Amino acid sequence: MKTFFQKRFGFLFIGILLVFAACIKQETIVPSSTDTEMFCKVDGEQWISVVPLAFVTNNHLLISAVSLDDELVSLSISDATEGTYSLNPNLANVIAYEETGDDATLAFASNRNTSNTNYGTVVITNHDLVNKTISGTFETEVHRSSDGAIRTITEGSFNNLAYSEVFFPTATQLSATIDSTIFAATVISDSLALGNLFVHGGDSIQNKIIELSFPTTIAIGVYDLGSPGLSDYSAQYHLDSITSMPADSGQLLITEHLITDKYIKGIFNFDATESGGTQTANISNGFFELTYE
């Protein structure tokens, strides 16, 4: 996760590190709405966000934020309207948490709570539609499937968090902008192999194809994209039946993943270079949504 933020917000990340380092030398930082946009406690220890990313997609709220020590907290709420939302696993609301050095396969999540207690809630206290900011509170227990470990998140708050608004079609699809030209896949398929989900979106007329690959256990959050075979999260663009362009770099943002229902939705972008050649392509504004087999 840290790689994405360093690449995308490198200058800001360094500045914030310097400010926080100076403050820590003098005293413990006590967050408030004036000095941070998102914070909480994890098992009683203070967690403070650095650069929160927030999106409202078809009125679905997604917030993903990393701390200075690379711990990630993500919220996915099915409605961005002011109100109280239960984190009962049977509902489409979830909070995820990743510890320093962990990947998505070791993430804690509120929807893995099988104890029938302490589900927690997210309360959206203010949604400013004019200025596109959102505020609220959250608390929950997050569980990890691999070893049954539990973390308790309390006193969570996000204050006047600016968000980007993205409208997605509700139909299953894969689309993107390829070098300023809109691409809409007419044939979409998926396959499962070796614990990975492969998503293919093709144009049957020009034989253009965009491929994505990532673990079937992928959680809501942001991931760096690389080349197939070299990265756990990969992308590739086929210009035609002969020319393949693996991703050099890029990002994948999973906005929703219902593992039980096998439903997944996300945003992506990447730069690609022809295998054994010099042609390049820029893939931006990518979106996919599908129910996989």
Protein backbone atom coordinates (compact mmCIF):
# COMPACT_ATOMS: atom_id res chain seq x y z
CA MET A 1 0.00 0.00 0.00
CA LYS A 2 2.76 2.46 0.82
CA THR A 3 4.14 2.29 -2.71
CA PHE A 4 0.92 3.73 -4.16
CA PHE A 5 0.85 6.69 -1.80
CA GLN A 6 4.53 7.45 -2.27
CA LYS A 7 4.13 7.46 -6.04
CA ARG A 8 0.89 9.41 -6.15
CA PHE A 9 1.42 11.81 -3.26
CA GLY A 10 5.18 11.74 -2.75
CA PHE A 11 5.66 15.46 -2.15
CA LEU A 12 2.77 15.64 0.29
CA PHE A 13 3.82 12.46 2.08
CA ILE A 14 7.31 13.83 2.78
CA GLY A 15 5.92 17.14 4.04
CA ILE A 16 3.50 15.48 6.42
CA LEU A 17 6.23 13.16 7.71
CA LEU A 18 8.40 16.13 8.59
CA VAL A 19 5.56 17.95 10.37
CA PHE A 20 4.56 14.88 12.35
CA ALA A 21 8.15 14.06 13.27
CA ALA A 22 8.58 17.53 14.77
CA CYS A 23 5.35 17.23 16.75
CA ILE A 24 6.11 13.77 18.07
CA LYS A 25 9.38 14.98 19.55
CA GLN A 26 7.49 17.46 21.69
CA GLU A 27 4.29 15.69 22.66
CA THR A 28 1.78 13.02 21.83
CA ILE A 29 -0.52 14.11 19.02
CA VAL A 30 -4.17 14.33 20.05
CA PRO A 31 -6.32 14.41 16.90
CA SER A 32 -9.14 16.86 16.38
CA SER A 33 -11.23 18.03 13.47
CA THR A 34 -8.73 20.86 12.95
CA ASP A 35 -5.55 18.79 12.52
CA THR A 36 -6.63 15.61 10.76
CA GLU A 37 -9.37 14.38 8.48
CA MET A 38 -9.68 10.80 9.72
CA PHE A 39 -8.62 9.00 12.89
CA CYS A 40 -9.57 6.17 15.25
CA LYS A 41 -8.12 3.86 17.90
CA VAL A 42 -7.11 0.27 17.15
CA ASP A 43 -7.01 -1.80 20.33
CA GLY A 44 -6.65 1.48 22.21
CA GLU A 45 -3.69 2.72 20.14
CA GLN A 46 -4.13 5.95 18.21
CA TRP A 47 -4.34 5.64 14.42
CA ILE A 48 -4.16 8.82 12.32
CA SER A 49 -4.60 9.00 8.55
CA VAL A 50 -2.18 10.68 6.19
CA VAL A 51 -3.89 11.02 2.80
CA PRO A 52 -7.47 9.68 2.89
CA LEU A 53 -9.06 8.84 -0.44
CA ALA A 54 -12.84 9.13 -0.60
CA PHE A 55 -15.26 8.30 -3.41
CA VAL A 56 -19.02 8.35 -3.77
CA THR A 57 -20.05 5.98 -6.55
CA ASN A 58 -23.76 5.70 -7.30
CA ASN A 59 -24.32 6.95 -3.72
CA HIS A 60 -22.02 4.20 -2.37
CA LEU A 61 -19.37 5.60 0.00
CA LEU A 62 -15.80 4.33 -0.09
CA ILE A 63 -13.00 5.70 2.12
CA SER A 64 -9.47 4.29 2.16
CA ALA A 65 -6.73 5.83 4.31
CA VAL A 66 -3.22 4.87 5.36
CA SER A 67 -1.36 5.95 8.51
CA LEU A 68 2.26 7.06 8.85
CA ASP A 69 3.27 3.53 9.89
CA ASP A 70 1.49 2.02 6.86
CA GLU A 71 -1.64 0.69 8.57
CA LEU A 72 -4.69 0.86 6.33
CA VAL A 73 -8.32 1.48 7.33
CA SER A 74 -11.04 1.27 4.66
CA LEU A 75 -14.79 1.81 4.86
CA SER A 76 -17.35 0.72 2.28
CA ILE A 77 -20.92 1.82 2.99
CA SER A 78 -23.85 1.05 0.70
CA ASP A 79 -25.37 4.52 1.09
CA ALA A 80 -23.79 7.97 1.45
CA THR A 81 -26.93 9.53 2.91
CA GLU A 82 -26.79 10.86 6.47
CA GLY A 83 -27.80 8.11 8.88
CA THR A 84 -26.64 5.08 10.88
CA TYR A 85 -25.42 1.94 9.10
CA SER A 86 -24.95 -1.44 10.75
CA LEU A 87 -21.87 -3.52 9.98
CA ASN A 88 -23.79 -6.78 10.27
CA PRO A 89 -22.06 -9.24 7.87
CA ASN A 90 -25.38 -9.86 6.13
CA LEU A 91 -25.42 -6.25 4.93
CA ALA A 92 -23.30 -4.62 2.22
CA ASN A 93 -21.31 -2.46 4.69
CA VAL A 94 -17.78 -3.29 5.78
CA ILE A 95 -14.70 -1.88 7.50
CA ALA A 96 -11.31 -3.41 6.69
CA TYR A 97 -7.98 -3.00 8.46
CA GLU A 98 -4.45 -4.01 7.40
CA GLU A 99 -1.46 -3.96 9.72
CA THR A 100 2.04 -2.79 8.80
CA GLY A 101 3.68 -5.15 6.30
CA ASP A 102 0.54 -7.21 5.66
CA ASP A 103 -1.12 -7.67 2.30
CA ALA A 104 -4.82 -8.01 1.51
CA THR A 105 -4.84 -11.75 2.24
CA LEU A 106 -4.07 -10.98 5.92
CA ALA A 107 -6.58 -8.15 6.26
CA PHE A 108 -9.05 -7.90 9.13
CA ALA A 109 -12.66 -7.16 8.17
CA SER A 110 -15.90 -6.51 10.01
CA ASN A 111 -17.81 -8.89 7.73
CA ARG A 112 -15.68 -11.79 8.98
CA ASN A 113 -17.22 -11.44 12.43
CA THR A 114 -19.11 -14.69 13.05
CA SER A 115 -19.66 -14.14 16.79
CA ASN A 116 -23.05 -12.46 16.26
CA THR A 117 -21.94 -9.60 18.55
CA ASN A 118 -20.09 -6.29 18.36
CA TYR A 119 -20.78 -5.72 14.69
CA GLY A 120 -20.47 -1.97 15.10
CA THR A 121 -21.82 0.93 13.08
CA VAL A 122 -20.88 3.76 10.76
CA VAL A 123 -22.78 7.01 11.31
CA ILE A 124 -22.74 9.59 8.52
CA THR A 125 -23.35 12.81 10.42
CA ASN A 126 -23.03 15.29 7.57
CA HIS A 127 -23.00 15.03 3.78
CA ASP A 128 -22.42 18.39 2.07
CA LEU A 129 -23.60 17.86 -1.51
CA VAL A 130 -22.52 21.35 -2.59
CA ASN A 131 -18.91 21.23 -1.37
CA LYS A 132 -18.67 17.42 -1.74
CA THR A 133 -17.46 16.73 1.79
CA ILE A 134 -18.60 14.07 4.22
CA SER A 135 -18.26 13.54 7.98
CA GLY A 136 -19.08 10.71 10.33
CA THR A 137 -18.06 8.27 13.04
CA PHE A 138 -17.36 4.55 13.14
CA GLU A 139 -16.58 1.68 15.50
CA THR A 140 -16.43 -2.09 15.06
CA GLU A 141 -14.61 -5.35 15.66
CA VAL A 142 -12.59 -6.61 12.69
CA HIS A 143 -11.70 -10.29 12.39
CA ARG A 144 -9.02 -12.15 10.41
CA SER A 145 -10.02 -15.45 8.85
CA SER A 146 -6.55 -17.04 8.75
CA ASP A 147 -5.98 -17.20 12.51
CA GLY A 148 -9.14 -15.81 14.17
CA ALA A 149 -7.34 -12.69 15.41
CA ILE A 150 -9.51 -9.72 16.38
CA ARG A 151 -8.86 -5.98 16.50
CA THR A 152 -11.23 -3.46 18.10
CA ILE A 153 -11.69 -0.13 16.35
CA THR A 154 -13.14 2.65 18.50
CA GLU A 155 -13.57 6.45 18.45
CA GLY A 156 -13.38 6.49 14.67
CA SER A 157 -14.11 9.75 12.93
CA PHE A 158 -13.77 11.35 9.50
CA ASN A 159 -14.28 15.10 9.36
CA ASN A 160 -15.18 17.19 6.30
CA LEU A 161 -13.49 14.64 4.09
CA ALA A 162 -13.47 15.79 0.47
CA TYR A 163 -14.60 13.11 -1.97
CA SER A 164 -14.60 12.48 -5.70
CA GLU A 165 -17.91 11.62 -7.29
CA VAL A 166 -17.91 8.83 -9.87
CA PHE A 167 -21.01 7.48 -11.59
CA PHE A 168 -20.84 3.89 -12.78
CA PRO A 169 -23.29 2.04 -14.99
CA THR A 170 -25.19 -0.62 -13.06
CA ALA A 171 -24.83 -3.23 -15.82
CA THR A 172 -21.91 -5.67 -15.79
CA GLN A 173 -19.19 -4.16 -17.93
CA LEU A 174 -15.55 -3.27 -18.47
CA SER A 175 -14.64 0.08 -19.96
CA ALA A 176 -11.69 2.47 -20.09
CA THR A 177 -10.05 5.27 -22.03
CA ILE A 178 -7.15 4.03 -24.18
CA ASP A 179 -4.88 6.88 -25.31
CA SER A 180 -7.83 9.31 -25.23
CA THR A 181 -10.16 6.89 -27.07
CA ILE A 182 -13.11 5.40 -25.20
CA PHE A 183 -13.09 1.60 -25.04
CA ALA A 184 -16.18 -0.39 -24.05
CA ALA A 185 -15.80 -4.17 -23.96
CA THR A 186 -18.45 -6.08 -25.88
CA VAL A 187 -17.32 -9.46 -24.57
CA ILE A 188 -16.54 -9.85 -20.86
CA SER A 189 -15.35 -13.08 -19.26
CA ASP A 190 -13.60 -14.29 -16.15
CA SER A 191 -11.64 -17.32 -15.01
CA LEU A 192 -10.20 -18.66 -11.78
CA ALA A 193 -6.76 -20.26 -11.50
CA LEU A 194 -4.22 -20.75 -8.71
CA GLY A 195 -6.21 -18.55 -6.32
CA ASN A 196 -6.43 -15.66 -8.78
CA LEU A 197 -9.35 -14.09 -10.60
CA PHE A 198 -8.70 -13.14 -14.24
CA VAL A 199 -10.99 -10.53 -15.80
CA HIS A 200 -11.03 -10.13 -19.60
CA GLY A 201 -12.80 -7.37 -21.52
CA GLY A 202 -12.62 -7.50 -25.30
CA ASP A 203 -13.76 -5.70 -28.43
CA SER A 204 -14.84 -8.38 -30.92
CA ILE A 205 -14.44 -6.00 -33.88
CA GLN A 206 -10.93 -4.60 -33.35
CA ASN A 207 -9.68 -7.47 -31.16
CA LYS A 208 -8.60 -5.09 -28.40
CA ILE A 209 -8.51 -6.71 -24.94
CA ILE A 210 -7.88 -5.46 -21.42
CA GLU A 211 -6.95 -8.09 -18.82
CA LEU A 212 -6.77 -7.78 -15.03
CA SER A 213 -5.59 -10.37 -12.53
CA PHE A 214 -5.66 -10.35 -8.73
CA PRO A 215 -6.19 -12.75 -5.78
CA THR A 216 -9.73 -14.03 -5.28
CA THR A 217 -9.46 -12.84 -1.66
CA ILE A 218 -8.81 -9.23 -2.65
CA ALA A 219 -10.31 -6.73 -0.21
CA ILE A 220 -11.62 -3.21 -0.70
CA GLY A 221 -8.65 -0.89 -1.11
CA VAL A 222 -5.92 0.40 -3.46
CA TYR A 223 -3.29 -1.84 -5.08
CA ASP A 224 -0.30 -1.24 -7.35
CA LEU A 225 -0.53 -2.93 -10.75
CA GLY A 226 2.37 -4.63 -12.53
CA SER A 227 3.05 -7.13 -15.30
CA PRO A 228 1.45 -10.60 -15.40
CA GLY A 229 3.75 -13.18 -13.84
CA LEU A 230 5.70 -10.52 -11.95
CA SER A 231 3.00 -9.00 -9.76
CA ASP A 232 0.15 -10.39 -7.67
CA TYR A 233 -1.98 -7.56 -9.06
CA SER A 234 -1.46 -7.27 -12.80
CA ALA A 235 -2.87 -5.76 -15.97
CA GLN A 236 -2.27 -6.15 -19.69
CA TYR A 237 -3.56 -4.52 -22.86
CA HIS A 238 -3.76 -6.34 -26.20
CA LEU A 239 -3.74 -3.85 -29.08
CA ASP A 240 -4.64 -6.66 -31.49
CA SER A 241 -4.24 -10.43 -31.79
CA ILE A 242 -0.45 -10.02 -32.05
CA THR A 243 0.60 -7.04 -29.92
CA SER A 244 0.53 -7.42 -26.12
CA MET A 245 1.40 -4.62 -23.69
CA PRO A 246 1.95 -5.63 -20.03
CA ALA A 247 1.49 -2.94 -17.39
CA ASP A 248 4.59 -1.04 -16.32
CA SER A 249 2.77 0.68 -13.47
CA GLY A 250 -0.73 1.59 -12.42
CA GLN A 251 -3.35 1.37 -9.70
CA LEU A 252 -6.36 -0.79 -9.00
CA LEU A 253 -9.05 0.42 -6.59
CA ILE A 254 -11.52 -2.25 -5.44
CA THR A 255 -14.72 -0.46 -4.43
CA GLU A 256 -16.84 -3.51 -3.63
CA HIS A 257 -16.23 -7.25 -3.31
CA LEU A 258 -18.89 -9.63 -2.06
CA ILE A 259 -16.98 -12.91 -1.90
CA THR A 260 -20.01 -15.04 -1.02
CA ASP A 261 -22.00 -13.61 -3.93
CA LYS A 262 -18.93 -13.56 -6.21
CA TYR A 263 -19.57 -9.94 -7.13
CA ILE A 264 -16.77 -7.42 -7.62
CA LYS A 265 -16.43 -3.83 -8.80
CA GLY A 266 -13.46 -1.53 -9.20
CA ILE A 267 -11.54 1.28 -10.92
CA PHE A 268 -8.15 0.96 -12.64
CA ASN A 269 -5.51 2.79 -14.66
CA PHE A 270 -2.11 1.75 -15.97
CA ASP A 271 0.68 2.51 -18.44
CA ALA A 272 1.80 -0.36 -20.66
CA THR A 273 4.68 -1.11 -23.04
CA GLU A 274 4.73 -3.60 -25.89
CA SER A 275 6.45 -6.89 -25.09
CA GLY A 276 9.71 -6.90 -27.04
CA GLY A 277 8.80 -3.62 -28.72
CA THR A 278 8.49 0.12 -28.22
CA GLN A 279 4.77 0.85 -28.54
CA THR A 280 3.12 2.23 -25.41
CA ALA A 281 -0.42 2.80 -24.22
CA ASN A 282 -2.07 4.73 -21.43
CA ILE A 283 -5.18 3.14 -19.92
CA SER A 284 -7.21 5.55 -17.79
CA ASN A 285 -10.73 5.88 -16.33
CA GLY A 286 -10.97 2.10 -16.21
CA PHE A 287 -14.03 0.54 -14.62
CA PHE A 288 -15.22 -3.04 -14.27
CA GLU A 289 -18.15 -4.73 -12.57
CA LEU A 290 -19.09 -8.38 -12.79
CA THR A 291 -20.39 -11.47 -11.09
CA TYR A 292 -17.77 -14.16 -11.59
CA GLU A 293 -18.11 -17.93 -11.78
